[in-house]
């Protein structure tokens, strides 16, 4: 069954955040990840309106999604956004087989 990253983010420093987003596509592809939705138009139906960027990434399995997140390469890239460039809520959810 596939595993999905579902993320909501608020970008505080676009230049610093871009250092993160420039690295992530190559990292997720190493784990078989495929971006299904990233940025673009959105409509918040319920919940807080502080997040303005939404991302959904599909991985072959939940284990692949977790391995990508936990990898040294991803954690090094995430350090750019964790330094104050943005706030992110990220969940990994198991798909339906």
PDB file of N, CA and C in Angstrom:
ATOM      1  N   UNK A   1       0.833  -1.183   0.000  1.00  0.00           N
ATOM      2  CA  UNK A   1       0.000   0.000   0.000  1.00  0.00           C
ATOM      3  C   UNK A   1       0.876   1.244   0.000  1.00  0.00           C
ATOM      4  N   UNK A   2       0.451   2.263  -0.722  1.00  0.00           N
ATOM      5  CA  UNK A   2       1.244   3.501  -0.727  1.00  0.00           C
ATOM      6  C   UNK A   2       1.185   4.211   0.620  1.00  0.00           C
ATOM      7  N   UNK A   3       2.155   5.072   0.825  1.00  0.00           N
ATOM      8  CA  UNK A   3       2.177   5.958   1.980  1.00  0.00           C
ATOM      9  C   UNK A   3       2.212   7.385   1.477  1.00  0.00           C
ATOM     10  N   UNK A   4       1.575   8.277   2.180  1.00  0.00           N
ATOM     11  CA  UNK A   4       1.470   9.666   1.729  1.00  0.00           C
ATOM     12  C   UNK A   4       1.998  10.641   2.777  1.00  0.00           C
ATOM     13  N   UNK A   5       2.788  11.599   2.311  1.00  0.00           N
ATOM     14  CA  UNK A   5       3.113  12.767   3.126  1.00  0.00           C
ATOM     15  C   UNK A   5       2.014  13.778   2.851  1.00  0.00           C
ATOM     16  N   UNK A   6       1.435  14.329   3.887  1.00  0.00           N
ATOM     17  CA  UNK A   6       0.461  15.404   3.746  1.00  0.00           C
ATOM     18  C   UNK A   6       0.982  16.550   4.603  1.00  0.00           C
ATOM     19  N   UNK A   7       1.309  17.663   3.971  1.00  0.00           N
ATOM     20  CA  UNK A   7       1.935  18.776   4.687  1.00  0.00           C
ATOM     21  C   UNK A   7       1.186  20.077   4.466  1.00  0.00           C
ATOM     22  N   UNK A   8       1.175  20.883   5.534  1.00  0.00           N
ATOM     23  CA  UNK A   8       0.654  22.248   5.483  1.00  0.00           C
ATOM     24  C   UNK A   8       1.787  23.137   5.970  1.00  0.00           C
ATOM     25  N   UNK A   9       2.004  24.239   5.284  1.00  0.00           N
ATOM     26  CA  UNK A   9       3.113  25.093   5.714  1.00  0.00           C
ATOM     27  C   UNK A   9       2.775  26.570   5.597  1.00  0.00           C
ATOM     28  N   UNK A  10       3.523  27.327   6.377  1.00  0.00           N
ATOM     29  CA  UNK A  10       3.474  28.784   6.349  1.00  0.00           C
ATOM     30  C   UNK A  10       4.915  29.235   6.161  1.00  0.00           C
ATOM     31  N   UNK A  11       5.165  30.011   5.134  1.00  0.00           N
ATOM     32  CA  UNK A  11       6.526  30.429   4.803  1.00  0.00           C
ATOM     33  C   UNK A  11       6.771  31.830   5.376  1.00  0.00           C
ATOM     34  N   UNK A  12       7.805  31.938   6.206  1.00  0.00           N
ATOM     35  CA  UNK A  12       8.157  33.215   6.824  1.00  0.00           C
ATOM     36  C   UNK A  12       9.295  33.908   6.074  1.00  0.00           C
ATOM     37  N   UNK A  13      10.223  33.115   5.528  1.00  0.00           N
ATOM     38  CA  UNK A  13      11.392  33.656   4.822  1.00  0.00           C
ATOM     39  C   UNK A  13      11.530  32.904   3.497  1.00  0.00           C
ATOM     40  N   UNK A  14      10.927  33.429   2.417  1.00  0.00           N
ATOM     41  CA  UNK A  14      10.918  32.713   1.142  1.00  0.00           C
ATOM     42  C   UNK A  14      12.299  32.335   0.617  1.00  0.00           C
ATOM     43  N   UNK A  15      13.287  33.177   0.772  1.00  0.00           N
ATOM     44  CA  UNK A  15      14.627  32.881   0.250  1.00  0.00           C
ATOM     45  C   UNK A  15      15.245  31.693   0.985  1.00  0.00           C
ATOM     46  N   UNK A  16      15.111  31.673   2.294  1.00  0.00           N
ATOM     47  CA  UNK A  16      15.665  30.563   3.079  1.00  0.00           C
ATOM     48  C   UNK A  16      14.855  29.287   2.855  1.00  0.00           C
ATOM     49  N   UNK A  17      13.538  29.417   2.753  1.00  0.00           N
ATOM     50  CA  UNK A  17      12.662  28.264   2.518  1.00  0.00           C
ATOM     51  C   UNK A  17      12.966  27.619   1.167  1.00  0.00           C
ATOM     52  N   UNK A  18      13.336  28.446   0.189  1.00  0.00           N
ATOM     53  CA  UNK A  18      13.657  27.937  -1.149  1.00  0.00           C
ATOM     54  C   UNK A  18      14.879  27.013  -1.111  1.00  0.00           C
ATOM     55  N   UNK A  19      15.799  27.257  -0.196  1.00  0.00           N
ATOM     56  CA  UNK A  19      16.954  26.364  -0.064  1.00  0.00           C
ATOM     57  C   UNK A  19      16.487  24.955   0.282  1.00  0.00           C
ATOM     58  N   UNK A  20      15.430  24.859   1.062  1.00  0.00           N
ATOM     59  CA  UNK A  20      14.819  23.572   1.408  1.00  0.00           C
ATOM     60  C   UNK A  20      14.091  22.982   0.207  1.00  0.00           C
ATOM     61  N   UNK A  21      13.213  23.769  -0.426  1.00  0.00           N
ATOM     62  CA  UNK A  21      12.407  23.229  -1.521  1.00  0.00           C
ATOM     63  C   UNK A  21      13.238  22.886  -2.758  1.00  0.00           C
ATOM     64  N   UNK A  22      14.394  23.504  -2.919  1.00  0.00           N
ATOM     65  CA  UNK A  22      15.268  23.146  -4.045  1.00  0.00           C
ATOM     66  C   UNK A  22      15.858  21.749  -3.878  1.00  0.00           C
ATOM     67  N   UNK A  23      16.048  21.304  -2.650  1.00  0.00           N
ATOM     68  CA  UNK A  23      16.674  20.004  -2.380  1.00  0.00           C
ATOM     69  C   UNK A  23      15.679  18.848  -2.312  1.00  0.00           C
ATOM     70  N   UNK A  24      14.469  19.117  -1.882  1.00  0.00           N
ATOM     71  CA  UNK A  24      13.519  18.053  -1.572  1.00  0.00           C
ATOM     72  C   UNK A  24      13.129  17.175  -2.771  1.00  0.00           C
ATOM     73  N   UNK A  25      12.868  17.693  -3.961  1.00  0.00           N
ATOM     74  CA  UNK A  25      12.450  16.802  -5.058  1.00  0.00           C
ATOM     75  C   UNK A  25      13.450  15.675  -5.333  1.00  0.00           C
ATOM     76  N   UNK A  26      14.720  15.967  -5.334  1.00  0.00           N
ATOM     77  CA  UNK A  26      15.724  14.928  -5.562  1.00  0.00           C
ATOM     78  C   UNK A  26      15.752  13.898  -4.453  1.00  0.00           C
ATOM     79  N   UNK A  27      15.526  14.350  -3.234  1.00  0.00           N
ATOM     80  CA  UNK A  27      15.537  13.434  -2.092  1.00  0.00           C
ATOM     81  C   UNK A  27      14.332  12.506  -2.146  1.00  0.00           C
ATOM     82  N   UNK A  28      13.146  13.063  -2.372  1.00  0.00           N
ATOM     83  CA  UNK A  28      11.963  12.189  -2.372  1.00  0.00           C
ATOM     84  C   UNK A  28      12.004  11.192  -3.530  1.00  0.00           C
ATOM     85  N   UNK A  29      12.585  11.575  -4.664  1.00  0.00           N
ATOM     86  CA  UNK A  29      12.666  10.637  -5.793  1.00  0.00           C
ATOM     87  C   UNK A  29      13.556   9.446  -5.466  1.00  0.00           C
ATOM     88  N   UNK A  30      14.558   9.639  -4.608  1.00  0.00           N
ATOM     89  CA  UNK A  30      15.423   8.527  -4.201  1.00  0.00           C
ATOM     90  C   UNK A  30      14.648   7.464  -3.417  1.00  0.00           C
ATOM     91  N   UNK A  31      13.512   7.846  -2.840  1.00  0.00           N
ATOM     92  CA  UNK A  31      12.691   6.922  -2.064  1.00  0.00           C
ATOM     93  C   UNK A  31      11.417   6.539  -2.815  1.00  0.00           C
ATOM     94  N   UNK A  32      11.380   6.810  -4.111  1.00  0.00           N
ATOM     95  CA  UNK A  32      10.227   6.458  -4.942  1.00  0.00           C
ATOM     96  C   UNK A  32       9.061   7.407  -4.798  1.00  0.00           C
ATOM     97  N   UNK A  33       9.285   8.577  -4.195  1.00  0.00           N
ATOM     98  CA  UNK A  33       8.204   9.535  -3.974  1.00  0.00           C
ATOM     99  C   UNK A  33       7.801  10.277  -5.232  1.00  0.00           C
ATOM    100  N   UNK A  34       6.519  10.620  -5.291  1.00  0.00           N
ATOM    101  CA  UNK A  34       5.961  11.340  -6.434  1.00  0.00           C
ATOM    102  C   UNK A  34       5.051  12.447  -5.895  1.00  0.00           C
ATOM    103  N   UNK A  35       5.318  13.689  -6.285  1.00  0.00           N
ATOM    104  CA  UNK A  35       4.511  14.815  -5.828  1.00  0.00           C
ATOM    105  C   UNK A  35       3.164  14.784  -6.548  1.00  0.00           C
ATOM    106  N   UNK A  36       2.087  14.768  -5.761  1.00  0.00           N
ATOM    107  CA  UNK A  36       0.739  14.782  -6.328  1.00  0.00           C
ATOM    108  C   UNK A  36       0.136  16.184  -6.294  1.00  0.00           C
ATOM    109  N   UNK A  37       0.495  16.966  -5.296  1.00  0.00           N
ATOM    110  CA  UNK A  37       0.017  18.344  -5.184  1.00  0.00           C
ATOM    111  C   UNK A  37       1.081  19.146  -4.452  1.00  0.00           C
ATOM    112  N   UNK A  38       1.329  20.373  -4.928  1.00  0.00           N
ATOM    113  CA  UNK A  38       2.322  21.234  -4.273  1.00  0.00           C
ATOM    114  C   UNK A  38       2.002  22.678  -4.630  1.00  0.00           C
ATOM    115  N   UNK A  39       1.732  23.477  -3.593  1.00  0.00           N
ATOM    116  CA  UNK A  39       1.417  24.880  -3.837  1.00  0.00           C
ATOM    117  C   UNK A  39       0.133  25.001  -4.627  1.00  0.00           C
ATOM    118  N   UNK A  40       0.056  26.010  -5.437  1.00  0.00           N
ATOM    119  CA  UNK A  40      -1.111  26.204  -6.292  1.00  0.00           C
ATOM    120  C   UNK A  40      -2.324  26.731  -5.540  1.00  0.00           C
ATOM    121  N   UNK A  41      -3.437  26.715  -6.225  1.00  0.00           N
ATOM    122  CA  UNK A  41      -4.682  27.233  -5.674  1.00  0.00           C
ATOM    123  C   UNK A  41      -5.202  26.288  -4.602  1.00  0.00           C
ATOM    124  N   UNK A  42      -5.873  26.817  -3.602  1.00  0.00           N
ATOM    125  CA  UNK A  42      -6.427  26.005  -2.520  1.00  0.00           C
ATOM    126  C   UNK A  42      -7.625  26.725  -1.924  1.00  0.00           C
ATOM    127  N   UNK A  43      -8.411  25.985  -1.173  1.00  0.00           N
ATOM    128  CA  UNK A  43      -9.536  26.555  -0.427  1.00  0.00           C
ATOM    129  C   UNK A  43      -9.573  25.861   0.921  1.00  0.00           C
ATOM    130  N   UNK A  44      -9.441  26.623   1.992  1.00  0.00           N
ATOM    131  CA  UNK A  44      -9.519  26.070   3.337  1.00  0.00           C
ATOM    132  C   UNK A  44     -10.993  25.927   3.689  1.00  0.00           C
ATOM    133  N   UNK A  45     -11.416  24.702   3.956  1.00  0.00           N
ATOM    134  CA  UNK A  45     -12.817  24.444   4.292  1.00  0.00           C
ATOM    135  C   UNK A  45     -13.049  24.435   5.798  1.00  0.00           C
ATOM    136  N   UNK A  46     -12.055  23.938   6.553  1.00  0.00           N
ATOM    137  CA  UNK A  46     -12.145  23.912   8.009  1.00  0.00           C
ATOM    138  C   UNK A  46     -10.738  24.025   8.569  1.00  0.00           C
ATOM    139  N   UNK A  47     -10.625  24.547   9.759  1.00  0.00           N
ATOM    140  CA  UNK A  47      -9.335  24.627  10.422  1.00  0.00           C
ATOM    141  C   UNK A  47      -8.703  25.999  10.315  1.00  0.00           C
ATOM    142  N   UNK A  48      -7.542  26.139  10.951  1.00  0.00           N
ATOM    143  CA  UNK A  48      -6.869  27.447  10.981  1.00  0.00           C
ATOM    144  C   UNK A  48      -6.422  27.889   9.600  1.00  0.00           C
ATOM    145  N   UNK A  49      -6.410  29.181   9.405  1.00  0.00           N
ATOM    146  CA  UNK A  49      -6.028  29.744   8.115  1.00  0.00           C
ATOM    147  C   UNK A  49      -4.589  30.247   8.104  1.00  0.00           C
ATOM    148  N   UNK A  50      -3.751  29.749   9.012  1.00  0.00           N
ATOM    149  CA  UNK A  50      -2.368  30.231   9.060  1.00  0.00           C
ATOM    150  C   UNK A  50      -1.468  29.541   8.050  1.00  0.00           C
ATOM    151  N   UNK A  51      -1.905  28.432   7.478  1.00  0.00           N
ATOM    152  CA  UNK A  51      -1.090  27.720   6.494  1.00  0.00           C
ATOM    153  C   UNK A  51      -1.546  28.094   5.091  1.00  0.00           C
ATOM    154  N   UNK A  52      -0.565  28.317   4.184  1.00  0.00           N
ATOM    155  CA  UNK A  52      -0.911  28.787   2.845  1.00  0.00           C
ATOM    156  C   UNK A  52      -0.181  28.033   1.746  1.00  0.00           C
ATOM    157  N   UNK A  53       0.401  26.901   2.106  1.00  0.00           N
ATOM    158  CA  UNK A  53       1.042  26.035   1.111  1.00  0.00           C
ATOM    159  C   UNK A  53       0.723  24.604   1.524  1.00  0.00           C
ATOM    160  N   UNK A  54       0.302  23.798   0.572  1.00  0.00           N
ATOM    161  CA  UNK A  54      -0.136  22.446   0.853  1.00  0.00           C
ATOM    162  C   UNK A  54       0.555  21.490  -0.105  1.00  0.00           C
ATOM    163  N   UNK A  55       1.004  20.349   0.422  1.00  0.00           N
ATOM    164  CA  UNK A  55       1.769  19.399  -0.370  1.00  0.00           C
ATOM    165  C   UNK A  55       1.281  17.986  -0.068  1.00  0.00           C
ATOM    166  N   UNK A  56       1.128  17.176  -1.120  1.00  0.00           N
ATOM    167  CA  UNK A  56       0.821  15.758  -0.974  1.00  0.00           C
ATOM    168  C   UNK A  56       1.833  14.996  -1.824  1.00  0.00           C
ATOM    169  N   UNK A  57       2.528  14.055  -1.196  1.00  0.00           N
ATOM    170  CA  UNK A  57       3.539  13.250  -1.889  1.00  0.00           C
ATOM    171  C   UNK A  57       3.227  11.783  -1.652  1.00  0.00           C
ATOM    172  N   UNK A  58       3.190  11.008  -2.733  1.00  0.00           N
ATOM    173  CA  UNK A  58       2.922   9.572  -2.647  1.00  0.00           C
ATOM    174  C   UNK A  58       4.234   8.796  -2.709  1.00  0.00           C
ATOM    175  N   UNK A  59       4.381   7.833  -1.821  1.00  0.00           N
ATOM    176  CA  UNK A  59       5.517   6.921  -1.809  1.00  0.00           C
ATOM    177  C   UNK A  59       5.004   5.507  -2.039  1.00  0.00           C
ATOM    178  N   UNK A  60       5.859   4.599  -2.529  1.00  0.00           N
ATOM    179  CA  UNK A  60       5.410   3.226  -2.770  1.00  0.00           C
ATOM    180  C   UNK A  60       4.825   2.556  -1.525  1.00  0.00           C
ATOM    181  N   UNK A  61       5.406   2.836  -0.359  1.00  0.00           N
ATOM    182  CA  UNK A  61       4.921   2.260   0.896  1.00  0.00           C
ATOM    183  C   UNK A  61       5.062   3.288   2.010  1.00  0.00           C
ATOM    184  N   UNK A  62       4.384   3.040   3.106  1.00  0.00           N
ATOM    185  CA  UNK A  62       4.529   3.909   4.267  1.00  0.00           C
ATOM    186  C   UNK A  62       5.966   3.848   4.783  1.00  0.00           C
ATOM    187  N   UNK A  63       6.575   2.670   4.729  1.00  0.00           N
ATOM    188  CA  UNK A  63       7.966   2.525   5.173  1.00  0.00           C
ATOM    189  C   UNK A  63       8.894   3.410   4.346  1.00  0.00           C
ATOM    190  N   UNK A  64       8.649   3.528   3.031  1.00  0.00           N
ATOM    191  CA  UNK A  64       9.453   4.416   2.181  1.00  0.00           C
ATOM    192  C   UNK A  64       9.255   5.878   2.577  1.00  0.00           C
ATOM    193  N   UNK A  65       8.015   6.253   2.889  1.00  0.00           N
ATOM    194  CA  UNK A  65       7.724   7.628   3.297  1.00  0.00           C
ATOM    195  C   UNK A  65       8.450   7.975   4.591  1.00  0.00           C
ATOM    196  N   UNK A  66       8.443   7.049   5.537  1.00  0.00           N
ATOM    197  CA  UNK A  66       9.123   7.271   6.818  1.00  0.00           C
ATOM    198  C   UNK A  66      10.630   7.307   6.614  1.00  0.00           C
ATOM    199  N   UNK A  67      11.149   6.375   5.804  1.00  0.00           N
ATOM    200  CA  UNK A  67      12.590   6.338   5.546  1.00  0.00           C
ATOM    201  C   UNK A  67      13.077   7.630   4.896  1.00  0.00           C
ATOM    202  N   UNK A  68      12.286   8.190   3.992  1.00  0.00           N
ATOM    203  CA  UNK A  68      12.653   9.458   3.352  1.00  0.00           C
ATOM    204  C   UNK A  68      12.728  10.560   4.404  1.00  0.00           C
ATOM    205  N   UNK A  69      11.691  10.666   5.212  1.00  0.00           N
ATOM    206  CA  UNK A  69      11.674  11.703   6.246  1.00  0.00           C
ATOM    207  C   UNK A  69      12.852  11.565   7.205  1.00  0.00           C
ATOM    208  N   UNK A  70      13.165  10.348   7.589  1.00  0.00           N
ATOM    209  CA  UNK A  70      14.209  10.099   8.580  1.00  0.00           C
ATOM    210  C   UNK A  70      15.625  10.111   7.998  1.00  0.00           C
ATOM    211  N   UNK A  71      15.739  10.196   6.673  1.00  0.00           N
ATOM    212  CA  UNK A  71      17.060  10.140   6.038  1.00  0.00           C
ATOM    213  C   UNK A  71      17.903  11.364   6.394  1.00  0.00           C
ATOM    214  N   UNK A  72      19.206  11.164   6.404  1.00  0.00           N
ATOM    215  CA  UNK A  72      20.125  12.273   6.665  1.00  0.00           C
ATOM    216  C   UNK A  72      19.941  13.389   5.638  1.00  0.00           C
ATOM    217  N   UNK A  73      19.749  13.014   4.375  1.00  0.00           N
ATOM    218  CA  UNK A  73      19.611  14.022   3.315  1.00  0.00           C
ATOM    219  C   UNK A  73      18.390  14.901   3.559  1.00  0.00           C
ATOM    220  N   UNK A  74      17.244  14.287   3.911  1.00  0.00           N
ATOM    221  CA  UNK A  74      16.040  15.089   4.154  1.00  0.00           C
ATOM    222  C   UNK A  74      16.204  15.946   5.399  1.00  0.00           C
ATOM    223  N   UNK A  75      16.742  15.385   6.449  1.00  0.00           N
ATOM    224  CA  UNK A  75      16.909  16.151   7.687  1.00  0.00           C
ATOM    225  C   UNK A  75      17.849  17.343   7.489  1.00  0.00           C
ATOM    226  N   UNK A  76      18.876  17.170   6.663  1.00  0.00           N
ATOM    227  CA  UNK A  76      19.777  18.292   6.360  1.00  0.00           C
ATOM    228  C   UNK A  76      19.032  19.372   5.579  1.00  0.00           C
ATOM    229  N   UNK A  77      18.207  18.967   4.615  1.00  0.00           N
ATOM    230  CA  UNK A  77      17.424  19.943   3.848  1.00  0.00           C
ATOM    231  C   UNK A  77      16.407  20.638   4.751  1.00  0.00           C
ATOM    232  N   UNK A  78      15.742  19.873   5.612  1.00  0.00           N
ATOM    233  CA  UNK A  78      14.712  20.429   6.493  1.00  0.00           C
ATOM    234  C   UNK A  78      15.286  21.438   7.476  1.00  0.00           C
ATOM    235  N   UNK A  79      16.573  21.357   7.755  1.00  0.00           N
ATOM    236  CA  UNK A  79      17.207  22.304   8.670  1.00  0.00           C
ATOM    237  C   UNK A  79      17.050  23.740   8.172  1.00  0.00           C
ATOM    238  N   UNK A  80      16.984  23.950   6.846  1.00  0.00           N
ATOM    239  CA  UNK A  80      16.794  25.299   6.309  1.00  0.00           C
ATOM    240  C   UNK A  80      15.447  25.866   6.750  1.00  0.00           C
ATOM    241  N   UNK A  81      14.375  25.075   6.666  1.00  0.00           N
ATOM    242  CA  UNK A  81      13.074  25.593   7.065  1.00  0.00           C
ATOM    243  C   UNK A  81      12.917  25.615   8.575  1.00  0.00           C
ATOM    244  N   UNK A  82      13.541  24.663   9.267  1.00  0.00           N
ATOM    245  CA  UNK A  82      13.423  24.606  10.725  1.00  0.00           C
ATOM    246  C   UNK A  82      14.169  25.747  11.410  1.00  0.00           C
ATOM    247  N   UNK A  83      15.010  26.443  10.679  1.00  0.00           N
ATOM    248  CA  UNK A  83      15.765  27.560  11.254  1.00  0.00           C
ATOM    249  C   UNK A  83      14.928  28.832  11.357  1.00  0.00           C
ATOM    250  N   UNK A  84      13.648  28.732  11.060  1.00  0.00           N
ATOM    251  CA  UNK A  84      12.765  29.891  11.150  1.00  0.00           C
ATOM    252  C   UNK A  84      12.204  30.344   9.820  1.00  0.00           C
ATOM    253  N   UNK A  85      12.566  29.644   8.735  1.00  0.00           N
ATOM    254  CA  UNK A  85      12.088  30.027   7.409  1.00  0.00           C
ATOM    255  C   UNK A  85      10.615  29.708   7.211  1.00  0.00           C
ATOM    256  N   UNK A  86      10.100  28.788   8.020  1.00  0.00           N
ATOM    257  CA  UNK A  86       8.694  28.433   7.884  1.00  0.00           C
ATOM    258  C   UNK A  86       8.252  27.493   8.977  1.00  0.00           C
ATOM    259  N   UNK A  87       6.949  27.304   9.026  1.00  0.00           N
ATOM    260  CA  UNK A  87       6.334  26.380   9.979  1.00  0.00           C
ATOM    261  C   UNK A  87       5.613  25.317   9.171  1.00  0.00           C
ATOM    262  N   UNK A  88       5.773  24.055   9.557  1.00  0.00           N
ATOM    263  CA  UNK A  88       5.191  22.958   8.803  1.00  0.00           C
ATOM    264  C   UNK A  88       4.507  21.978   9.741  1.00  0.00           C
ATOM    265  N   UNK A  89       3.367  21.484   9.304  1.00  0.00           N
ATOM    266  CA  UNK A  89       2.732  20.328   9.919  1.00  0.00           C
ATOM    267  C   UNK A  89       2.819  19.223   8.870  1.00  0.00           C
ATOM    268  N   UNK A  90       3.413  18.097   9.235  1.00  0.00           N
ATOM    269  CA  UNK A  90       3.603  16.990   8.296  1.00  0.00           C
ATOM    270  C   UNK A  90       3.110  15.707   8.943  1.00  0.00           C
ATOM    271  N   UNK A  91       2.236  15.007   8.253  1.00  0.00           N
ATOM    272  CA  UNK A  91       1.796  13.682   8.692  1.00  0.00           C
ATOM    273  C   UNK A  91       2.100  12.698   7.574  1.00  0.00           C
ATOM    274  N   UNK A  92       2.302  11.467   7.963  1.00  0.00           N
ATOM    275  CA  UNK A  92       2.456  10.388   6.989  1.00  0.00           C
ATOM    276  C   UNK A  92       1.285   9.445   7.241  1.00  0.00           C
ATOM    277  N   UNK A  93       0.548   9.163   6.199  1.00  0.00           N
ATOM    278  CA  UNK A  93      -0.639   8.339   6.329  1.00  0.00           C
ATOM    279  C   UNK A  93      -0.570   7.161   5.363  1.00  0.00           C
ATOM    280  N   UNK A  94      -1.033   6.016   5.817  1.00  0.00           N
ATOM    281  CA  UNK A  94      -1.052   4.795   5.010  1.00  0.00           C
ATOM    282  C   UNK A  94      -2.182   4.895   3.994  1.00  0.00           C
ATOM    283  N   UNK A  95      -1.902   4.523   2.763  1.00  0.00           N
ATOM    284  CA  UNK A  95      -2.920   4.534   1.726  1.00  0.00           C
ATOM    285  C   UNK A  95      -3.823   3.313   1.811  1.00  0.00           C
ATOM    286  N   UNK A  96      -4.829   3.290   0.995  1.00  0.00           N
ATOM    287  CA  UNK A  96      -5.765   2.168   0.932  1.00  0.00           C
ATOM    288  C   UNK A  96      -5.337   1.262  -0.202  1.00  0.00           C
ATOM    289  N   UNK A  97      -5.197   0.001   0.087  1.00  0.00           N
ATOM    290  CA  UNK A  97      -4.714  -0.964  -0.907  1.00  0.00           C
ATOM    291  C   UNK A  97      -5.758  -1.525  -1.787  1.00  0.00           C
TER     292      UNK A  97
END
